[in-house]
């Protein structure tokens, strides 16, 4: 599984982290955007999916020097 993190998805992820919701709420919010833009990657349904998503975010941060 591969996720294509862009600025919009990254900003949503960061905003959610600041709010510190439950993992379920965070995943549901991320999935709303992922469903609207399927090119971003698969819907997050498992812990493995979430781990892949977080790895993609970490990679995005490193590439963007955030």
C-alpha atoms as a PDB file:
ATOM      1  CA  UNK A   1       0.000   0.000   0.000  1.00  0.00           C
ATOM      2  CA  UNK A   2       1.219   3.424  -0.840  1.00  0.00           C
ATOM      3  CA  UNK A   3      -0.105   6.805   0.161  1.00  0.00           C
ATOM      4  CA  UNK A   4       0.529   9.995  -1.778  1.00  0.00           C
ATOM      5  CA  UNK A   5       0.777  12.674   0.869  1.00  0.00           C
ATOM      6  CA  UNK A   6       0.202  16.192  -0.409  1.00  0.00           C
ATOM      7  CA  UNK A   7       0.112  19.513   1.419  1.00  0.00           C
ATOM      8  CA  UNK A   8      -3.653  19.379   1.967  1.00  0.00           C
ATOM      9  CA  UNK A   9      -3.626  15.862   3.453  1.00  0.00           C
ATOM     10  CA  UNK A  10      -0.542  16.654   5.518  1.00  0.00           C
ATOM     11  CA  UNK A  11      -2.179  19.801   6.915  1.00  0.00           C
ATOM     12  CA  UNK A  12      -5.307  17.834   7.857  1.00  0.00           C
ATOM     13  CA  UNK A  13      -3.143  15.237   9.614  1.00  0.00           C
ATOM     14  CA  UNK A  14      -1.255  17.927  11.521  1.00  0.00           C
ATOM     15  CA  UNK A  15      -4.469  19.756  12.499  1.00  0.00           C
ATOM     16  CA  UNK A  16      -5.940  16.506  13.767  1.00  0.00           C
ATOM     17  CA  UNK A  17      -2.797  15.756  15.784  1.00  0.00           C
ATOM     18  CA  UNK A  18      -3.089  19.151  17.485  1.00  0.00           C
ATOM     19  CA  UNK A  19      -6.704  18.358  18.436  1.00  0.00           C
ATOM     20  CA  UNK A  20      -5.581  14.959  19.795  1.00  0.00           C
ATOM     21  CA  UNK A  21      -8.734  12.999  18.916  1.00  0.00           C
ATOM     22  CA  UNK A  22      -9.101   9.263  19.344  1.00  0.00           C
ATOM     23  CA  UNK A  23      -7.406   7.178  16.663  1.00  0.00           C
ATOM     24  CA  UNK A  24     -10.828   6.183  15.307  1.00  0.00           C
ATOM     25  CA  UNK A  25     -11.925   9.796  14.858  1.00  0.00           C
ATOM     26  CA  UNK A  26      -8.611  10.700  13.244  1.00  0.00           C
ATOM     27  CA  UNK A  27      -8.788   7.772  10.815  1.00  0.00           C
ATOM     28  CA  UNK A  28     -12.418   8.557   9.955  1.00  0.00           C
ATOM     29  CA  UNK A  29     -11.525  12.189   9.190  1.00  0.00           C
ATOM     30  CA  UNK A  30      -8.568  11.153   7.032  1.00  0.00           C
ATOM     31  CA  UNK A  31     -10.722   8.601   5.213  1.00  0.00           C
ATOM     32  CA  UNK A  32     -13.252  11.289   4.264  1.00  0.00           C
ATOM     33  CA  UNK A  33     -10.540  13.035   2.248  1.00  0.00           C
ATOM     34  CA  UNK A  34      -8.982   9.810   0.943  1.00  0.00           C
ATOM     35  CA  UNK A  35     -12.396   8.670  -0.359  1.00  0.00           C
ATOM     36  CA  UNK A  36     -12.842  11.999  -2.173  1.00  0.00           C
ATOM     37  CA  UNK A  37      -9.391  11.757  -3.765  1.00  0.00           C
ATOM     38  CA  UNK A  38      -8.639   8.063  -4.450  1.00  0.00           C
ATOM     39  CA  UNK A  39      -5.227   8.925  -5.961  1.00  0.00           C
ATOM     40  CA  UNK A  40      -4.049   9.687  -2.397  1.00  0.00           C
ATOM     41  CA  UNK A  41      -4.183   5.994  -1.554  1.00  0.00           C
ATOM     42  CA  UNK A  42      -6.442   3.324  -0.107  1.00  0.00           C
ATOM     43  CA  UNK A  43      -8.910   3.953   2.688  1.00  0.00           C
ATOM     44  CA  UNK A  44      -7.345   3.254   6.093  1.00  0.00           C
ATOM     45  CA  UNK A  45      -9.051   0.138   7.461  1.00  0.00           C
ATOM     46  CA  UNK A  46      -6.380  -1.718   9.447  1.00  0.00           C
ATOM     47  CA  UNK A  47      -3.544  -0.944  11.841  1.00  0.00           C
ATOM     48  CA  UNK A  48      -1.188  -1.876   9.014  1.00  0.00           C
ATOM     49  CA  UNK A  49      -2.834   0.703   6.752  1.00  0.00           C
ATOM     50  CA  UNK A  50      -2.422   3.337   9.452  1.00  0.00           C
ATOM     51  CA  UNK A  51       1.240   2.413   9.922  1.00  0.00           C
ATOM     52  CA  UNK A  52       1.795   2.768   6.151  1.00  0.00           C
ATOM     53  CA  UNK A  53       0.027   6.135   6.180  1.00  0.00           C
ATOM     54  CA  UNK A  54       2.168   7.405   9.081  1.00  0.00           C
ATOM     55  CA  UNK A  55       5.308   6.159   7.321  1.00  0.00           C
ATOM     56  CA  UNK A  56       4.262   8.115   4.216  1.00  0.00           C
ATOM     57  CA  UNK A  57       3.701  11.233   6.345  1.00  0.00           C
ATOM     58  CA  UNK A  58       7.144  10.809   7.907  1.00  0.00           C
ATOM     59  CA  UNK A  59       8.686  10.470   4.450  1.00  0.00           C
ATOM     60  CA  UNK A  60       6.792  13.563   3.255  1.00  0.00           C
ATOM     61  CA  UNK A  61       8.099  15.536   6.247  1.00  0.00           C
ATOM     62  CA  UNK A  62      11.678  14.459   5.490  1.00  0.00           C
ATOM     63  CA  UNK A  63      11.420  15.337   1.800  1.00  0.00           C
ATOM     64  CA  UNK A  64       9.745  18.679   2.521  1.00  0.00           C
ATOM     65  CA  UNK A  65      12.169  19.334   5.401  1.00  0.00           C
ATOM     66  CA  UNK A  66       9.309  19.994   7.840  1.00  0.00           C
END
